[in-house]
Amino acid sequence: MGPSAPLLILILLSWSGPLQGQQHHLVEYMERRLAALEERLAQCQDQSSRHAAELRDFKNKMLPLLEVAEKEREALRTEADTISGRVDRLEREVDYLETQNPALPCVELDEKVNGGPGTKGKGRRNEKYDMVTDCGYTISQVRSMKILKRFGGPAGLWTKDPLGPTEKIYVLDGTQNDTAFVFPRLRDFTLTMAARKASRVRVPFPWVGTGQLVYGGFLYYARRPPGGPGGGSELENTLQLIKFHLANRTVVDSSVFPAERLIPPYALTTDTYIDLAADEEGIWAVYATREDDRHLCLAKLDPQTLDTEQQWDTPCPRENAEAAFVICGTLYVVYNTRPASRARIQCSFDASGTLTPEQAALSYFPRRYGAHASLRYNPRERQLYAWDDGYQIVYKLEMRKKEEEI
């Protein structure tokens, strides 16, 4: 060892004292922290034990209440099932009573005595219609209904083309719009995101009301020309019929409807001024004028030229009417109440004179959501396509020969 070794030893010994003091303080600090943690853990354990005891007490209190609630729920469920069964039985009894005692026809006494409204002769007005087909059926009853979905607003129209593809669906939403939805098949229309499956067809002029018709590949609709109903000019009471080619998307023909001072034919559907309908015989128009503001008028149209072939003043009142359709040359008017209740076919008019009002079956529709904004008869399927407060409904019809007794 050199002369510097004792000096190094002395330096190390002088530093060992402070290091031992620091270690002692560190150990004391760690002991205090551990004691504090142990105290907090003990407090947490005490709190957990207290909470567990409180939960046990709460559970013991709630178990009897839950048992009582379960019994009450079962009792309410049994009562609801009983009430539902009673309502179903009541509905069946009402249906039976309505079948045995149908609604009285809306023909007023003075009309029966005087031969009905509108006995004036205007060309071929009120002459009997000569059937061009052998169709001789009338409604026996509205057999059933099927609610497809809810699409669009409270008023609109959905239909099929009775002369076109059997699966294609046409949807016209709203009473003043210019875009129609076309679905390739019914299944696509019932999908949740149905609009994505549809092609859109835009017409050059917006339609008015819910009186549109798809027939033979064409869209027939009423257009309000500038100054049309509500416009406040000399054309205030006129409407223009448009024949629109759906494939070419062009206007093929147009014509001003030959009736003056038009008013809504249905008192409960005031946005519609002309309601177009199709049956086995072709195209018809339901309308009303101020000349006889109490009753509906019927016209037979030429689907090629939009000319009016014949016109009739019917005995069917406008009051409480909500929609109508034509089957085998017979107009059926559907009535309701305000607020909406259960709709009923309460007036019929056979343009050919074969079916009298007394022979017609005046039946009720099954209960549903509200009021019909539109009804479209498909002669190929013998079904009605209805728009009811945004819901799309199909009604199946039971038919009988016009000569059969009800």
Protein backbone atom coordinates (compact mmCIF):
# COMPACT_ATOMS: atom_id res chain seq x y z
CA MET A 1 0.00 0.00 0.00
CA GLY A 2 1.26 3.44 -0.80
CA PRO A 3 1.13 6.53 1.32
CA SER A 4 -2.28 7.43 -0.16
CA ALA A 5 -4.12 4.28 1.05
CA PRO A 6 -4.69 5.44 4.66
CA LEU A 7 -6.08 8.69 3.28
CA LEU A 8 -8.64 6.85 1.12
CA ILE A 9 -9.77 4.75 4.06
CA LEU A 10 -10.26 7.82 6.18
CA ILE A 11 -12.39 9.45 3.43
CA LEU A 12 -14.69 6.37 3.12
CA LEU A 13 -15.13 6.15 6.85
CA SER A 14 -16.06 9.85 6.97
CA TRP A 15 -18.86 9.29 4.31
CA SER A 16 -20.36 6.14 5.88
CA GLY A 17 -21.90 8.04 8.77
CA PRO A 18 -24.19 10.28 6.65
CA LEU A 19 -25.24 7.34 4.42
CA GLN A 20 -26.36 5.33 7.42
CA GLY A 21 -28.38 8.32 8.67
CA GLN A 22 -30.14 8.71 5.30
CA GLN A 23 -31.02 5.02 5.22
CA HIS A 24 -32.48 5.24 8.70
CA HIS A 25 -34.69 8.20 7.73
CA LEU A 26 -35.79 6.34 4.55
CA VAL A 27 -36.78 3.28 6.54
CA GLU A 28 -38.76 5.40 8.98
CA TYR A 29 -40.56 7.14 6.08
CA MET A 30 -41.47 3.82 4.45
CA GLU A 31 -42.76 2.49 7.76
CA ARG A 32 -44.99 5.56 8.21
CA ARG A 33 -46.38 5.20 4.64
CA LEU A 34 -47.09 1.51 5.17
CA ALA A 35 -48.86 2.26 8.42
CA ALA A 36 -51.01 4.88 6.67
CA LEU A 37 -51.86 2.43 3.87
CA GLU A 38 -52.75 -0.25 6.38
CA GLU A 39 -55.04 2.22 8.15
CA ARG A 40 -56.76 3.20 4.87
CA LEU A 41 -57.15 -0.45 3.86
CA ALA A 42 -58.76 -1.13 7.20
CA GLN A 43 -61.14 1.77 6.66
CA CYS A 44 -61.99 0.49 3.14
CA GLN A 45 -62.61 -2.96 4.57
CA ASP A 46 -64.91 -1.53 7.20
CA GLN A 47 -66.82 0.46 4.58
CA SER A 48 -67.10 -2.55 2.28
CA SER A 49 -68.43 -4.64 5.13
CA ARG A 50 -70.94 -1.92 6.01
CA HIS A 51 -72.05 -1.57 2.35
CA ALA A 52 -72.38 -5.31 1.99
CA ALA A 53 -74.58 -5.40 5.07
CA GLU A 54 -76.68 -2.54 3.70
CA LEU A 55 -77.06 -4.36 0.36
CA ARG A 56 -78.16 -7.52 2.16
CA ASP A 57 -80.70 -5.55 4.15
CA PHE A 58 -81.94 -3.82 0.93
CA LYS A 59 -82.18 -7.16 -0.86
CA ASN A 60 -84.11 -8.66 2.03
CA LYS A 61 -86.52 -5.70 1.89
CA MET A 62 -86.90 -5.78 -1.92
CA LEU A 63 -87.46 -9.52 -2.36
CA PRO A 64 -91.00 -9.45 -0.93
CA LEU A 65 -91.79 -6.34 -2.99
CA LEU A 66 -90.49 -8.02 -6.15
CA GLU A 67 -92.63 -11.05 -5.46
CA VAL A 68 -95.66 -8.81 -5.06
CA ALA A 69 -94.80 -6.90 -8.25
CA GLU A 70 -94.41 -10.17 -10.16
CA LYS A 71 -97.80 -11.35 -8.97
CA GLU A 72 -99.36 -8.02 -9.94
CA ARG A 73 -97.71 -8.18 -13.36
CA GLU A 74 -99.09 -11.65 -13.95
CA ALA A 75 -102.50 -10.46 -12.85
CA LEU A 76 -102.30 -7.47 -15.22
CA ARG A 77 -101.15 -9.72 -18.06
CA THR A 78 -104.06 -12.08 -17.45
CA GLU A 79 -106.45 -9.14 -17.34
CA ALA A 80 -104.97 -7.67 -20.56
CA ASP A 81 -105.36 -11.05 -22.30
CA THR A 82 -108.95 -11.22 -21.12
CA ILE A 83 -109.67 -7.68 -22.36
CA SER A 84 -107.99 -8.45 -25.69
CA GLY A 85 -110.14 -11.53 -26.09
CA ARG A 86 -113.26 -9.51 -25.29
CA VAL A 87 -112.26 -6.83 -27.83
CA ASP A 88 -111.69 -9.49 -30.48
CA ARG A 89 -115.07 -11.03 -29.76
CA LEU A 90 -116.66 -7.58 -29.86
CA GLU A 91 -115.00 -6.89 -33.23
CA ARG A 92 -116.34 -10.17 -34.61
CA GLU A 93 -119.81 -9.39 -33.29
CA VAL A 94 -119.66 -5.90 -34.83
CA ASP A 95 -118.54 -7.38 -38.14
CA TYR A 96 -121.42 -9.86 -38.00
CA LEU A 97 -123.93 -7.13 -37.16
CA GLU A 98 -122.60 -4.94 -39.95
CA THR A 99 -122.91 -7.86 -42.35
CA GLN A 100 -126.48 -8.54 -41.28
CA ASN A 101 -127.39 -4.84 -41.06
CA PRO A 102 -125.28 -2.91 -43.58
CA ALA A 103 -125.11 0.84 -43.63
CA LEU A 104 -128.07 2.53 -45.29
CA PRO A 105 -127.36 3.88 -48.77
CA CYS A 106 -126.77 7.59 -49.02
CA VAL A 107 -129.77 8.28 -51.27
CA GLU A 108 -132.06 11.05 -50.13
CA LEU A 109 -135.82 10.79 -50.35
CA ASP A 110 -136.30 13.72 -52.71
CA GLU A 111 -133.72 12.22 -55.06
CA LYS A 112 -135.64 8.92 -55.22
CA VAL A 113 -138.86 10.78 -55.96
CA ASN A 114 -137.37 13.14 -58.51
CA GLY A 115 -135.17 10.56 -60.20
CA GLY A 116 -131.87 11.64 -58.66
CA PRO A 117 -129.82 14.79 -59.03
CA GLY A 118 -128.81 16.23 -62.32
CA THR A 119 -131.53 15.08 -64.70
CA LYS A 120 -130.37 17.71 -67.16
CA GLY A 121 -129.25 16.43 -70.54
CA LYS A 122 -125.85 17.65 -71.72
CA GLY A 123 -124.81 15.65 -74.78
CA ARG A 124 -124.40 12.08 -73.52
CA ARG A 125 -124.66 13.16 -69.90
CA ASN A 126 -126.52 10.71 -67.65
CA GLU A 127 -127.16 8.21 -70.44
CA LYS A 128 -126.60 4.58 -69.54
CA TYR A 129 -123.09 3.33 -70.15
CA ASP A 130 -122.63 0.54 -72.69
CA MET A 131 -120.18 -1.97 -71.25
CA VAL A 132 -117.26 -2.88 -73.52
CA THR A 133 -116.33 -5.98 -71.50
CA ASP A 134 -118.33 -8.82 -69.99
CA CYS A 135 -117.44 -7.66 -66.48
CA GLY A 136 -120.50 -8.12 -64.30
CA TYR A 137 -119.15 -8.28 -60.77
CA THR A 138 -119.76 -6.18 -57.70
CA ILE A 139 -118.33 -6.13 -54.17
CA SER A 140 -119.72 -8.66 -51.73
CA GLN A 141 -117.51 -7.57 -48.83
CA VAL A 142 -114.07 -6.28 -47.90
CA ARG A 143 -112.63 -9.62 -46.87
CA SER A 144 -109.29 -8.77 -45.25
CA MET A 145 -106.49 -6.25 -45.06
CA LYS A 146 -102.71 -6.38 -44.89
CA ILE A 147 -100.62 -3.49 -43.62
CA LEU A 148 -97.39 -3.38 -45.62
CA LYS A 149 -95.41 -0.56 -43.99
CA ARG A 150 -95.29 3.17 -43.34
CA PHE A 151 -93.74 5.30 -46.05
CA GLY A 152 -94.00 9.04 -46.57
CA GLY A 153 -96.47 11.55 -45.20
CA PRO A 154 -100.12 11.28 -44.14
CA ALA A 155 -101.41 11.79 -47.73
CA GLY A 156 -100.23 10.04 -50.86
CA LEU A 157 -100.88 7.20 -53.28
CA TRP A 158 -99.37 3.81 -54.06
CA THR A 159 -100.49 1.52 -56.82
CA LYS A 160 -99.68 -0.94 -59.57
CA ASP A 161 -100.21 -0.65 -63.30
CA PRO A 162 -103.14 -3.00 -64.11
CA LEU A 163 -101.84 -3.30 -67.68
CA GLY A 164 -98.11 -3.28 -66.92
CA PRO A 165 -95.62 -5.49 -65.05
CA THR A 166 -97.34 -7.31 -62.23
CA GLU A 167 -94.64 -6.65 -59.61
CA LYS A 168 -93.73 -3.00 -60.15
CA ILE A 169 -94.88 -0.57 -57.42
CA TYR A 170 -95.48 3.16 -57.93
CA VAL A 171 -95.48 5.49 -54.93
CA LEU A 172 -96.48 9.17 -55.10
CA ASP A 173 -95.99 10.86 -51.75
CA GLY A 174 -97.74 14.11 -50.90
CA THR A 175 -100.47 16.22 -52.44
CA GLN A 176 -98.14 18.63 -54.28
CA ASN A 177 -95.01 16.94 -55.55
CA ASP A 178 -93.16 16.23 -58.77
CA THR A 179 -91.20 13.05 -58.04
CA ALA A 180 -92.57 9.49 -58.06
CA PHE A 181 -90.85 6.42 -56.61
CA VAL A 182 -90.81 3.25 -58.71
CA PHE A 183 -89.93 -0.05 -57.01
CA PRO A 184 -89.12 -3.13 -59.12
CA ARG A 185 -91.12 -5.42 -56.83
CA LEU A 186 -93.19 -5.40 -53.66
CA ARG A 187 -90.41 -7.02 -51.64
CA ASP A 188 -88.10 -4.07 -52.34
CA PHE A 189 -90.79 -1.65 -51.19
CA THR A 190 -91.20 -3.44 -47.85
CA LEU A 191 -87.50 -3.14 -46.95
CA THR A 192 -86.43 -0.81 -44.15
CA MET A 193 -84.36 1.41 -46.44
CA ALA A 194 -86.85 1.11 -49.29
CA ALA A 195 -86.04 4.44 -50.94
CA ARG A 196 -82.58 3.17 -51.87
CA LYS A 197 -84.13 0.42 -54.01
CA ALA A 198 -86.41 2.81 -55.91
CA SER A 199 -85.84 4.71 -59.09
CA ARG A 200 -87.16 8.27 -59.17
CA VAL A 201 -89.28 9.68 -61.96
CA ARG A 202 -89.69 13.44 -62.05
CA VAL A 203 -92.68 14.92 -63.83
CA PRO A 204 -92.49 18.37 -65.49
CA PHE A 205 -95.48 19.77 -63.57
CA PRO A 206 -96.35 18.98 -59.92
CA TRP A 207 -99.52 17.01 -59.33
CA VAL A 208 -102.32 18.25 -57.12
CA GLY A 209 -104.13 16.04 -54.61
CA THR A 210 -104.01 12.25 -54.51
CA GLY A 211 -106.04 11.48 -57.64
CA GLN A 212 -103.18 10.16 -59.79
CA LEU A 213 -103.39 6.95 -61.85
CA VAL A 214 -100.85 4.60 -63.44
CA TYR A 215 -102.36 2.84 -66.46
CA GLY A 216 -100.76 1.19 -69.49
CA GLY A 217 -97.29 2.59 -68.83
CA PHE A 218 -98.54 6.16 -68.39
CA LEU A 219 -99.00 8.37 -65.36
CA TYR A 220 -102.26 10.30 -65.50
CA TYR A 221 -102.56 13.18 -63.06
CA ALA A 222 -104.22 16.53 -62.52
CA ARG A 223 -102.13 19.64 -62.72
CA ARG A 224 -103.14 23.01 -61.34
CA PRO A 225 -102.37 25.47 -64.16
CA PRO A 226 -101.47 29.08 -63.29
CA GLY A 227 -104.66 30.47 -61.86
CA GLY A 228 -106.18 27.00 -61.26
CA PRO A 229 -108.37 26.19 -58.22
CA GLY A 230 -107.42 28.70 -55.57
CA GLY A 231 -105.39 30.79 -58.00
CA GLY A 232 -107.77 33.72 -58.10
CA SER A 233 -108.12 34.26 -61.88
CA GLU A 234 -110.45 33.35 -64.72
CA LEU A 235 -108.95 29.82 -64.63
CA GLU A 236 -109.66 29.47 -60.94
CA ASN A 237 -112.01 26.50 -61.38
CA THR A 238 -110.13 24.50 -64.03
CA LEU A 239 -107.63 21.67 -63.87
CA GLN A 240 -105.41 20.25 -66.56
CA LEU A 241 -105.04 16.49 -67.05
CA ILE A 242 -101.54 15.31 -67.93
CA LYS A 243 -100.63 12.03 -69.65
CA PHE A 244 -96.97 11.29 -68.85
CA HIS A 245 -94.98 8.44 -70.42
CA LEU A 246 -93.12 6.77 -67.54
CA ALA A 247 -90.49 5.05 -69.68
CA ASN A 248 -89.67 7.97 -72.00
CA ARG A 249 -90.33 10.53 -69.25
CA THR A 250 -92.16 12.86 -71.59
CA VAL A 251 -95.60 14.45 -71.65
CA VAL A 252 -97.60 12.66 -74.35
CA ASP A 253 -100.84 14.63 -74.09
CA SER A 254 -102.71 17.12 -71.94
CA SER A 255 -106.25 18.40 -71.75
CA VAL A 256 -108.26 20.85 -69.67
CA PHE A 257 -110.88 18.87 -67.82
CA PRO A 258 -114.30 19.86 -69.26
CA ALA A 259 -115.96 20.87 -66.02
CA GLU A 260 -116.37 24.36 -64.64
CA ARG A 261 -116.22 25.58 -61.07
CA LEU A 262 -114.57 22.46 -59.70
CA ILE A 263 -114.63 21.74 -55.97
CA PRO A 264 -113.11 18.83 -54.01
CA PRO A 265 -115.34 15.77 -54.53
CA TYR A 266 -114.54 14.37 -51.07
CA ALA A 267 -115.35 16.60 -48.13
CA LEU A 268 -112.76 14.79 -45.99
CA THR A 269 -109.98 14.92 -48.63
CA THR A 270 -109.99 18.56 -49.66
CA ASP A 271 -106.66 18.58 -51.55
CA THR A 272 -108.05 16.39 -54.37
CA TYR A 273 -110.13 18.01 -57.12
CA ILE A 274 -110.17 15.14 -59.65
CA ASP A 275 -109.80 11.51 -58.62
CA LEU A 276 -108.79 9.22 -61.50
CA ALA A 277 -109.70 5.53 -61.32
CA ALA A 278 -109.21 2.44 -63.47
CA ASP A 279 -111.26 -0.73 -63.74
CA GLU A 280 -111.99 -3.46 -66.27
CA GLU A 281 -113.63 -0.86 -68.54
CA GLY A 282 -110.83 1.71 -68.64
CA ILE A 283 -110.31 5.11 -67.00
CA TRP A 284 -112.81 7.14 -65.00
CA ALA A 285 -112.77 10.50 -63.23
CA VAL A 286 -114.59 11.40 -60.00
CA TYR A 287 -115.18 15.10 -59.46
CA ALA A 288 -117.68 17.70 -58.22
CA THR A 289 -118.77 21.19 -59.23
CA ARG A 290 -120.50 24.12 -57.59
CA GLU A 291 -123.50 23.54 -59.85
CA ASP A 292 -124.42 20.68 -57.51
CA ASP A 293 -122.10 20.98 -54.55
CA ARG A 294 -123.85 18.20 -52.61
CA HIS A 295 -123.15 15.23 -54.89
CA LEU A 296 -120.36 13.55 -56.82
CA CYS A 297 -120.02 13.41 -60.59
CA LEU A 298 -118.54 10.60 -62.68
CA ALA A 299 -116.93 10.75 -66.12
CA LYS A 300 -115.61 8.10 -68.51
CA LEU A 301 -112.33 9.12 -70.14
CA ASP A 302 -110.57 7.99 -73.30
CA PRO A 303 -107.11 6.84 -72.14
CA GLN A 304 -105.61 7.66 -75.53
CA THR A 305 -106.82 11.24 -75.99
CA LEU A 306 -108.05 12.21 -72.48
CA ASP A 307 -111.39 13.13 -74.04
CA THR A 308 -114.50 12.82 -71.89
CA GLU A 309 -116.77 10.17 -73.40
CA GLN A 310 -119.68 10.34 -70.95
CA GLN A 311 -120.63 12.09 -67.73
CA TRP A 312 -123.06 11.28 -64.92
CA ASP A 313 -124.50 13.10 -61.92
CA THR A 314 -124.55 10.51 -59.15
CA PRO A 315 -126.74 10.36 -56.04
CA CYS A 316 -123.66 9.92 -53.81
CA PRO A 317 -123.19 12.83 -51.35
CA ARG A 318 -119.93 14.71 -50.94
CA GLU A 319 -120.46 15.13 -47.21
CA ASN A 320 -118.22 12.82 -45.14
CA ALA A 321 -116.82 11.20 -48.32
CA GLU A 322 -113.09 10.41 -48.14
CA ALA A 323 -112.32 8.32 -51.27
CA ALA A 324 -113.87 6.30 -54.09
CA PHE A 325 -113.05 3.65 -56.69
CA VAL A 326 -114.70 2.01 -59.71
CA ILE A 327 -115.29 -1.71 -60.39
CA CYS A 328 -117.01 -2.96 -63.55
CA GLY A 329 -118.44 0.47 -64.27
CA THR A 330 -119.80 0.94 -60.75
CA LEU A 331 -118.64 3.80 -58.54
CA TYR A 332 -118.19 2.94 -54.84
CA VAL A 333 -117.86 5.88 -52.45
CA VAL A 334 -116.19 5.44 -49.06
CA TYR A 335 -117.35 7.54 -46.11
CA ASN A 336 -115.86 8.30 -42.72
CA THR A 337 -116.23 10.75 -39.86
CA ARG A 338 -114.18 13.60 -38.49
CA PRO A 339 -112.23 12.69 -36.42
CA ALA A 340 -111.51 9.54 -38.40
CA SER A 341 -113.35 6.38 -37.43
CA ARG A 342 -114.23 3.18 -39.27
CA ALA A 343 -114.65 3.73 -43.02
CA ARG A 344 -117.60 2.25 -44.89
CA ILE A 345 -118.83 1.88 -48.46
CA GLN A 346 -122.16 3.62 -48.16
CA CYS A 347 -123.06 4.68 -51.70
CA SER A 348 -122.69 3.10 -55.12
CA PHE A 349 -123.63 4.19 -58.63
CA ASP A 350 -123.66 1.83 -61.61
CA ALA A 351 -123.22 3.79 -64.83
CA SER A 352 -124.67 0.89 -66.84
CA GLY A 353 -127.81 0.75 -64.69
CA THR A 354 -127.45 -2.95 -63.96
CA LEU A 355 -126.85 -2.64 -60.21
CA THR A 356 -129.33 -0.61 -58.19
CA PRO A 357 -128.34 1.01 -54.86
CA GLU A 358 -130.67 -1.38 -53.04
CA GLN A 359 -128.84 -4.42 -54.51
CA ALA A 360 -125.35 -3.18 -53.65
CA ALA A 361 -123.56 -4.57 -50.61
CA LEU A 362 -122.64 -1.59 -48.43
CA SER A 363 -119.91 -2.89 -46.16
CA TYR A 364 -117.34 -1.63 -43.65
CA PHE A 365 -113.57 -1.67 -43.86
CA PRO A 366 -111.54 -3.39 -41.12
CA ARG A 367 -110.32 -1.09 -38.36
CA ARG A 368 -106.99 0.63 -38.99
CA TYR A 369 -105.14 3.91 -38.26
CA GLY A 370 -107.11 6.85 -39.58
CA ALA A 371 -108.65 8.00 -42.87
CA HIS A 372 -108.01 6.96 -46.46
CA ALA A 373 -106.10 9.56 -48.44
CA SER A 374 -106.47 7.42 -51.59
CA LEU A 375 -107.85 4.07 -52.79
CA ARG A 376 -106.76 2.36 -56.02
CA TYR A 377 -108.49 -0.71 -57.42
CA ASN A 378 -106.42 -3.23 -59.36
CA PRO A 379 -108.76 -5.18 -61.69
CA ARG A 380 -106.13 -7.83 -62.36
CA GLU A 381 -105.76 -8.71 -58.67
CA ARG A 382 -109.19 -7.54 -57.43
CA GLN A 383 -107.50 -5.72 -54.58
CA LEU A 384 -107.52 -2.19 -53.23
CA TYR A 385 -104.28 -0.31 -52.59
CA ALA A 386 -104.91 2.19 -49.79
CA TRP A 387 -102.90 5.05 -48.26
CA ASP A 388 -103.94 5.54 -44.65
CA ASP A 389 -102.14 8.21 -42.61
CA GLY A 390 -98.80 7.22 -44.17
CA TYR A 391 -99.46 3.47 -43.92
CA GLN A 392 -99.73 1.41 -47.10
CA ILE A 393 -102.52 -1.18 -46.92
CA VAL A 394 -103.86 -3.87 -49.25
CA TYR A 395 -107.54 -4.82 -49.03
CA LYS A 396 -108.72 -8.09 -50.54
CA LEU A 397 -112.23 -7.98 -51.98
CA GLU A 398 -114.83 -10.71 -52.20
CA MET A 399 -116.90 -10.38 -55.38
CA ARG A 400 -120.25 -11.65 -56.63
CA LYS A 401 -122.35 -11.31 -59.76
CA LYS A 402 -124.42 -8.14 -59.99
CA GLU A 403 -127.60 -10.15 -60.48
CA GLU A 404 -127.13 -12.20 -57.30
CA GLU A 405 -129.22 -11.30 -54.27
CA ILE A 406 -127.32 -10.18 -51.17
